[in-house]
Protein backbone atom coordinates (compact mmCIF):
# COMPACT_ATOMS: atom_id res chain seq x y z
CA UNK A 1 -4.62 22.73 -12.07
CA UNK A 2 -1.36 23.60 -10.35
CA UNK A 3 -2.11 27.30 -10.72
CA UNK A 4 -5.46 26.82 -9.01
CA UNK A 5 -3.76 25.03 -6.13
CA UNK A 6 -1.37 27.94 -5.71
CA UNK A 7 -4.28 30.36 -5.56
CA UNK A 8 -5.99 28.28 -2.89
CA UNK A 9 -2.87 28.36 -0.72
CA UNK A 10 -1.76 31.92 -1.40
CA UNK A 11 -5.29 33.29 -1.08
CA UNK A 12 -5.70 31.81 2.40
CA UNK A 13 -8.44 29.30 1.59
CA UNK A 14 -6.43 26.32 2.82
CA UNK A 15 -5.39 28.15 5.98
CA UNK A 16 -9.07 28.79 6.71
CA UNK A 17 -9.85 25.11 6.16
CA UNK A 18 -7.13 24.16 8.64
CA UNK A 19 -8.62 26.54 11.19
CA UNK A 20 -11.98 24.83 10.77
CA UNK A 21 -10.39 21.40 11.17
CA UNK A 22 -8.57 22.53 14.32
CA UNK A 23 -11.83 23.38 16.05
CA UNK A 24 -12.59 20.60 18.57
CA UNK A 25 -16.25 20.59 17.57
CA UNK A 26 -15.67 20.45 13.82
CA UNK A 27 -18.37 18.14 12.40
CA UNK A 28 -17.17 14.76 11.22
CA UNK A 29 -18.76 15.21 7.80
CA UNK A 30 -16.50 18.25 7.25
CA UNK A 31 -13.28 16.37 7.90
CA UNK A 32 -13.17 14.21 4.77
CA UNK A 33 -13.75 16.96 2.19
CA UNK A 34 -11.51 19.40 4.07
CA UNK A 35 -8.67 16.89 4.15
CA UNK A 36 -9.24 16.33 0.45
CA UNK A 37 -8.45 19.98 -0.24
CA UNK A 38 -5.30 19.92 1.91
CA UNK A 39 -4.18 16.70 0.27
CA UNK A 40 -4.80 18.11 -3.20
CA UNK A 41 -2.58 21.16 -2.73
CA UNK A 42 0.22 19.02 -1.26
CA UNK A 43 0.09 16.46 -4.08
CA UNK A 44 1.68 17.10 -7.46
CA UNK A 45 -0.41 16.56 -10.58
CA UNK A 46 2.46 17.82 -12.70
CA UNK A 47 5.88 16.78 -11.41
CA UNK A 48 7.81 18.99 -13.83
CA UNK A 49 9.51 21.90 -12.09
CA UNK A 50 8.53 24.63 -11.64
CA UNK A 51 4.95 23.49 -12.32
CA UNK A 52 4.29 21.77 -9.00
CA UNK A 53 4.61 23.58 -5.69
CA UNK A 54 3.27 20.66 -3.66
CA UNK A 55 6.41 20.35 -1.54
CA UNK A 56 6.51 24.09 -0.86
CA UNK A 57 2.82 24.07 0.03
CA UNK A 58 3.39 21.27 2.56
CA UNK A 59 6.21 23.22 4.18
CA UNK A 60 4.25 26.47 4.33
CA UNK A 61 1.11 24.84 5.68
CA UNK A 62 3.04 22.92 8.33
CA UNK A 63 5.22 25.82 9.42
CA UNK A 64 2.80 28.74 9.24
CA UNK A 65 -0.54 27.03 9.84
CA UNK A 66 0.36 23.99 12.01
CA UNK A 67 -1.09 21.63 9.40
CA UNK A 68 0.55 18.45 10.69
CA UNK A 69 -0.53 19.14 14.28
CA UNK A 70 -4.05 19.92 13.15
CA UNK A 71 -4.19 16.61 11.28
CA UNK A 72 -2.95 14.71 14.33
CA UNK A 73 -5.66 16.31 16.45
CA UNK A 74 -8.26 15.36 13.86
CA UNK A 75 -6.98 11.78 13.69
CA UNK A 76 -7.35 11.46 17.46
CA UNK A 77 -10.94 12.73 17.31
CA UNK A 78 -12.17 10.48 14.53
CA UNK A 79 -13.96 7.32 15.74
CA UNK A 80 -12.16 5.05 13.31
CA UNK A 81 -14.37 2.00 13.79
CA UNK A 82 -17.48 4.04 12.96
CA UNK A 83 -15.90 6.37 10.39
CA UNK A 84 -13.21 4.32 8.58
CA UNK A 85 -13.46 6.32 5.34
CA UNK A 86 -12.88 9.57 7.21
CA UNK A 87 -9.85 8.10 8.98
CA UNK A 88 -8.45 7.00 5.63
CA UNK A 89 -8.70 10.55 4.28
CA UNK A 90 -6.95 11.98 7.33
CA UNK A 91 -4.13 9.43 7.14
CA UNK A 92 -3.66 9.98 3.42
CA UNK A 93 -3.40 13.72 4.07
CA UNK A 94 -0.81 13.15 6.80
CA UNK A 95 1.20 11.25 4.20
CA UNK A 96 1.26 14.16 1.74
CA UNK A 97 1.85 16.91 4.31
CA UNK A 98 4.76 15.08 6.00
CA UNK A 99 7.07 16.14 3.20
CA UNK A 100 10.39 16.66 4.97
CA UNK A 101 12.43 15.73 8.03
CA UNK A 102 11.23 18.64 10.14
CA UNK A 103 7.54 17.94 9.56
CA UNK A 104 7.97 14.21 10.18
CA UNK A 105 9.74 14.93 13.45
CA UNK A 106 7.09 17.40 14.56
CA UNK A 107 4.34 14.87 13.94
CA UNK A 108 6.31 12.16 15.72
CA UNK A 109 7.27 14.32 18.71
CA UNK A 110 3.59 15.08 19.26
CA UNK A 111 2.77 11.36 19.38
CA UNK A 112 1.78 10.87 15.76
CA UNK A 113 3.56 7.56 15.21
CA UNK A 114 1.92 6.04 18.26
CA UNK A 115 -1.45 7.43 17.17
CA UNK A 116 -1.10 5.81 13.74
CA UNK A 117 -0.03 2.50 15.26
CA UNK A 118 -2.99 2.63 17.65
CA UNK A 119 -5.34 3.00 14.67
CA UNK A 120 -3.59 0.14 12.90
CA UNK A 121 -3.93 -2.14 15.93
CA UNK A 122 -7.56 -1.22 16.47
CA UNK A 123 -8.83 -1.30 12.89
CA UNK A 124 -6.11 -3.04 10.90
CA UNK A 125 -8.61 -5.62 9.68
CA UNK A 126 -10.21 -2.87 7.56
CA UNK A 127 -8.09 -3.04 4.41
CA UNK A 128 -8.23 0.62 3.41
CA UNK A 129 -7.56 1.84 6.96
CA UNK A 130 -4.65 -0.58 7.16
CA UNK A 131 -3.26 0.60 3.85
CA UNK A 132 -3.61 4.28 4.76
CA UNK A 133 -1.94 3.77 8.15
CA UNK A 134 0.97 1.94 6.61
CA UNK A 135 1.26 4.61 3.93
CA UNK A 136 1.50 7.38 6.52
CA UNK A 137 4.06 5.42 8.52
CA UNK A 138 6.06 4.68 5.38
CA UNK A 139 6.28 8.40 4.65
CA UNK A 140 7.33 9.16 8.23
CA UNK A 141 10.01 6.47 7.99
CA UNK A 142 11.87 8.61 5.46
CA UNK A 143 13.06 10.53 8.52
CA UNK A 144 16.15 8.94 10.02
CA UNK A 145 15.15 10.14 13.49
CA UNK A 146 11.82 8.30 13.25
CA UNK A 147 13.18 4.90 12.22
CA UNK A 148 14.26 3.83 15.72
CA UNK A 149 10.96 4.91 17.27
CA UNK A 150 9.05 2.90 14.67
CA UNK A 151 11.09 -0.21 15.43
CA UNK A 152 10.73 0.24 19.18
CA UNK A 153 6.99 0.85 18.95
CA UNK A 154 6.17 -2.38 17.13
CA UNK A 155 5.89 -1.10 13.56
CA UNK A 156 7.74 -4.11 12.15
CA UNK A 157 5.37 -6.54 13.85
CA UNK A 158 2.34 -4.53 12.74
CA UNK A 159 3.54 -4.47 9.13
CA UNK A 160 3.99 -8.23 9.15
CA UNK A 161 0.58 -8.72 10.78
CA UNK A 162 -1.00 -6.54 8.09
CA UNK A 163 0.48 -8.71 5.35
CA UNK A 164 -0.95 -11.81 7.04
CA UNK A 165 -4.36 -10.23 7.68
CA UNK A 166 -4.68 -9.17 4.06
CA UNK A 167 -2.98 -12.07 2.36
CA UNK A 168 -3.45 -11.77 -1.37
CA UNK A 169 -3.76 -7.98 -1.34
CA UNK A 170 -0.93 -6.58 -3.44
CA UNK A 171 -1.79 -3.04 -2.32
CA UNK A 172 -1.31 -3.84 1.38
CA UNK A 173 1.80 -5.93 0.75
CA UNK A 174 3.37 -3.15 -1.33
CA UNK A 175 2.89 -0.45 1.28
CA UNK A 176 3.84 -2.73 4.20
CA UNK A 177 7.07 -3.76 2.51
CA UNK A 178 7.65 -0.12 1.57
CA UNK A 179 7.44 0.79 5.25
CA UNK A 180 9.96 -1.90 6.15
CA UNK A 181 12.24 -0.80 3.32
CA UNK A 182 12.19 2.82 4.46
CA UNK A 183 12.87 1.81 8.05
CA UNK A 184 15.98 -0.09 7.00
CA UNK A 185 17.17 2.25 4.24
CA UNK A 186 20.25 4.25 5.25
CA UNK A 187 19.92 3.16 8.88
CA UNK A 188 23.55 2.82 10.01
CA UNK A 189 22.83 -0.17 12.25
CA UNK A 190 21.10 -2.31 9.63
CA UNK A 191 22.37 -1.04 6.28
CA UNK A 192 24.14 -3.80 4.38
CA UNK A 193 23.37 -6.03 7.35
CA UNK A 194 24.23 -9.39 5.83
CA UNK A 195 27.22 -8.04 3.92
CA UNK A 196 28.77 -6.73 7.13
CA UNK A 197 27.63 -9.61 9.33
CA UNK A 198 28.07 -12.92 7.47
CA UNK A 199 26.86 -14.85 10.52
CA UNK A 200 23.34 -13.56 9.80
CA UNK A 201 23.18 -15.05 6.31
CA UNK A 202 22.04 -18.57 7.25
CA UNK A 203 18.88 -17.22 8.90
CA UNK A 204 17.83 -15.66 5.58
CA UNK A 205 18.94 -18.53 3.38
CA UNK A 206 17.22 -21.15 5.54
CA UNK A 207 13.94 -19.30 5.00
CA UNK A 208 14.22 -19.43 1.22
CA UNK A 209 15.58 -15.95 0.51
CA UNK A 210 17.64 -17.09 -2.48
CA UNK A 211 14.71 -18.60 -4.37
CA UNK A 212 12.51 -15.58 -3.68
CA UNK A 213 15.15 -13.10 -4.82
CA UNK A 214 15.91 -14.99 -8.02
CA UNK A 215 12.21 -15.34 -8.78
CA UNK A 216 11.70 -11.60 -8.26
CA UNK A 217 14.55 -10.81 -10.65
CA UNK A 218 12.93 -12.93 -13.35
CA UNK A 219 9.38 -11.72 -12.74
CA UNK A 220 10.17 -7.99 -12.45
CA UNK A 221 13.50 -7.36 -14.20
CA UNK A 222 13.03 -3.62 -14.62
CA UNK A 223 12.65 -2.98 -10.90
CA UNK A 224 14.25 -6.01 -9.25
CA UNK A 225 17.17 -7.11 -11.43
CA UNK A 226 19.84 -4.83 -9.94
CA UNK A 227 18.62 -4.73 -6.35
CA UNK A 228 17.99 -8.46 -6.40
CA UNK A 229 21.54 -9.10 -7.61
CA UNK A 230 22.89 -6.85 -4.86
CA UNK A 231 20.89 -8.74 -2.23
CA UNK A 232 22.12 -12.10 -3.52
CA UNK A 233 25.68 -10.79 -3.47
CA UNK A 234 25.29 -9.55 0.10
CA UNK A 235 24.08 -13.02 1.07
CA UNK A 236 27.39 -14.41 -0.21
CA UNK A 237 25.87 -16.24 -3.17
CA UNK A 238 27.57 -16.86 -6.49
CA UNK A 239 26.12 -16.15 -9.93
CA UNK A 240 24.06 -13.30 -8.49
CA UNK A 241 23.74 -11.72 -11.93
CA UNK A 242 22.11 -14.82 -13.37
CA UNK A 243 18.37 -14.72 -13.88
CA UNK A 244 17.88 -18.38 -13.01
CA UNK A 245 19.53 -21.04 -10.94
């Protein structure tokens, strides 16, 4: 499978598909399948090096064939309310192509973050559109230069609104919280926020943070035990390594 993907990229097939997508009169029924091809070659089916060249493909397609700009143009052309499934495919492809800092910044500088947020505000009630938008934004939030723009453009509020709109959907909650986590991760102004600013702790504790963190440690020990303990410690709580009160 990975060898076939390499042939598609190296043989120029994907570049041709991007040229078709870039055409302003490209038919809407072409967009979904075409994005599927681009997404396939930038997604690893076999993570073992050197089997997968998904990351390299994303870089080559973005640098040499303007893939991320083409996708942004397509996203702006798609009537999301009438073609939600097509919009989902475009957004999912943005997520896989935005593989490094440079590509994320290019997409953002061209207005990509605002375009994604506009889709989220317009059609966030559609669960799959909401999930795809948040997934694209979560990927973009890996870029430290994008974090501030996301915060200033209302991404935090939109993520929280999405969780409320789709209450009970684990898929939406996971990607929304992933977006928030990426926005805060490594950000110098918010990293270790409560550890460095003890005066902020009561706001979290008054809203039940301790009970939620301890419950998460018990329910999901493999993924939450260590990070939950660290969060409890940063909140100034004792017995943060305990599983229960």
